[in-house]
Protein backbone atom coordinates (compact mmCIF):
# COMPACT_ATOMS: atom_id res chain seq x y z
CA MET A 1 2.31 10.75 5.66
CA ALA A 2 1.14 9.98 2.14
CA LEU A 3 0.82 13.65 1.15
CA SER A 4 4.17 14.54 2.49
CA ALA A 5 5.61 12.46 -0.30
CA LEU A 6 4.42 15.17 -2.69
CA GLU A 7 6.85 17.46 -0.85
CA GLY A 8 9.65 15.10 -1.38
CA ILE A 9 9.58 13.37 1.83
CA ASN A 10 10.31 9.55 1.77
CA GLY A 11 7.65 7.55 3.54
CA THR A 12 7.84 3.93 5.08
CA VAL A 13 5.16 1.79 6.68
CA PHE A 14 6.68 -1.07 8.58
CA VAL A 15 4.18 -3.66 9.63
CA TYR A 16 5.18 -6.94 11.68
CA GLY A 17 3.73 -9.39 13.77
CA GLN A 18 2.56 -13.12 13.96
CA THR A 19 1.38 -15.00 10.73
CA GLY A 20 -2.40 -14.69 10.67
CA SER A 21 -2.54 -11.68 12.91
CA GLY A 22 -4.25 -9.43 10.32
CA LYS A 23 -1.42 -7.26 8.80
CA THR A 24 -2.39 -7.72 5.28
CA TYR A 25 -6.17 -7.15 6.15
CA THR A 26 -5.20 -4.08 7.83
CA MET A 27 -3.03 -2.68 5.22
CA LEU A 28 -5.31 -3.82 2.07
CA GLY A 29 -8.64 -4.65 3.24
CA CYS A 30 -10.25 -7.86 2.30
CA ASP A 31 -9.50 -9.34 -1.27
CA ARG A 32 -12.92 -8.23 -2.57
CA LEU A 33 -12.29 -4.70 -1.97
CA GLN A 34 -9.07 -4.56 -4.03
CA ARG A 35 -11.38 -5.29 -7.08
CA GLU A 36 -14.75 -3.56 -6.28
CA GLU A 37 -15.91 -0.76 -4.18
CA PRO A 38 -16.85 -1.42 -0.63
CA THR A 39 -20.43 -2.16 0.63
CA ALA A 40 -22.02 -0.87 3.86
CA GLY A 41 -19.76 -1.88 6.74
CA GLU A 42 -16.64 -2.66 4.73
CA GLU A 43 -13.56 -0.31 4.69
CA PRO A 44 -10.40 -0.63 2.44
CA GLY A 45 -7.29 -0.91 4.28
CA VAL A 46 -4.59 1.89 5.27
CA LEU A 47 -2.55 1.63 2.00
CA VAL A 48 -5.83 1.84 -0.18
CA HIS A 49 -6.80 5.06 1.67
CA ALA A 50 -3.36 6.53 1.51
CA MET A 51 -2.99 5.78 -2.33
CA ARG A 52 -6.34 7.15 -3.06
CA ASP A 53 -5.53 10.34 -1.23
CA LEU A 54 -2.07 10.64 -2.84
CA PHE A 55 -3.36 10.20 -6.47
CA ALA A 56 -6.31 12.56 -5.86
CA LYS A 57 -3.89 15.28 -4.73
CA VAL A 58 -1.57 14.65 -7.75
CA ALA A 59 -4.44 14.91 -10.02
CA GLN A 60 -5.34 18.36 -8.74
CA ASP A 61 -1.66 19.81 -8.79
CA GLU A 62 -0.19 21.28 -11.95
CA ARG A 63 3.28 19.87 -10.98
CA SER A 64 4.78 16.78 -12.37
CA PHE A 65 5.60 13.87 -10.17
CA TYR A 66 7.49 10.69 -10.02
CA LEU A 67 5.99 8.22 -7.63
CA ARG A 68 7.44 4.88 -6.72
CA CYS A 69 6.03 2.32 -4.49
CA ALA A 70 7.35 -0.86 -3.11
CA TYR A 71 5.41 -3.59 -1.30
CA VAL A 72 7.64 -6.39 0.09
CA GLU A 73 7.37 -9.31 2.55
CA ILE A 74 10.15 -10.59 4.61
CA TYR A 75 9.46 -14.15 5.56
CA ASN A 76 12.12 -16.67 6.75
CA GLU A 77 14.86 -14.33 6.08
CA GLN A 78 13.91 -13.93 2.42
CA VAL A 79 12.58 -10.73 0.89
CA PHE A 80 9.53 -11.12 -1.54
CA ASP A 81 8.38 -8.28 -3.91
CA LEU A 82 4.50 -8.39 -3.52
CA LEU A 83 3.93 -6.05 -6.63
CA GLY A 84 6.25 -8.12 -8.99
CA THR A 85 5.18 -10.67 -11.31
CA GLY A 86 7.07 -13.57 -10.05
CA SER A 87 7.04 -15.18 -6.57
CA GLU A 88 10.95 -15.58 -6.29
CA ALA A 89 12.95 -14.15 -3.38
CA LEU A 90 14.74 -10.69 -4.12
């Protein structure tokens, strides 16, 4: 899916489930992996893999790209921008 974005196709990953069921871990990996390289037995999450593949492909391509990414949480009927600087609902 991630590489299809280079052809102009929008992509969405919709993850839902009970609080504490591992959604954030599956998508991002553990907190340490967001700052450092993985050690044996540790894998980054789905989004980390997708972004690495996408940016590696962009770096090899001669075309120019405009990439936009949003990462939001919907909790108690409020939408939170997890990439934003504030914690207020959108």
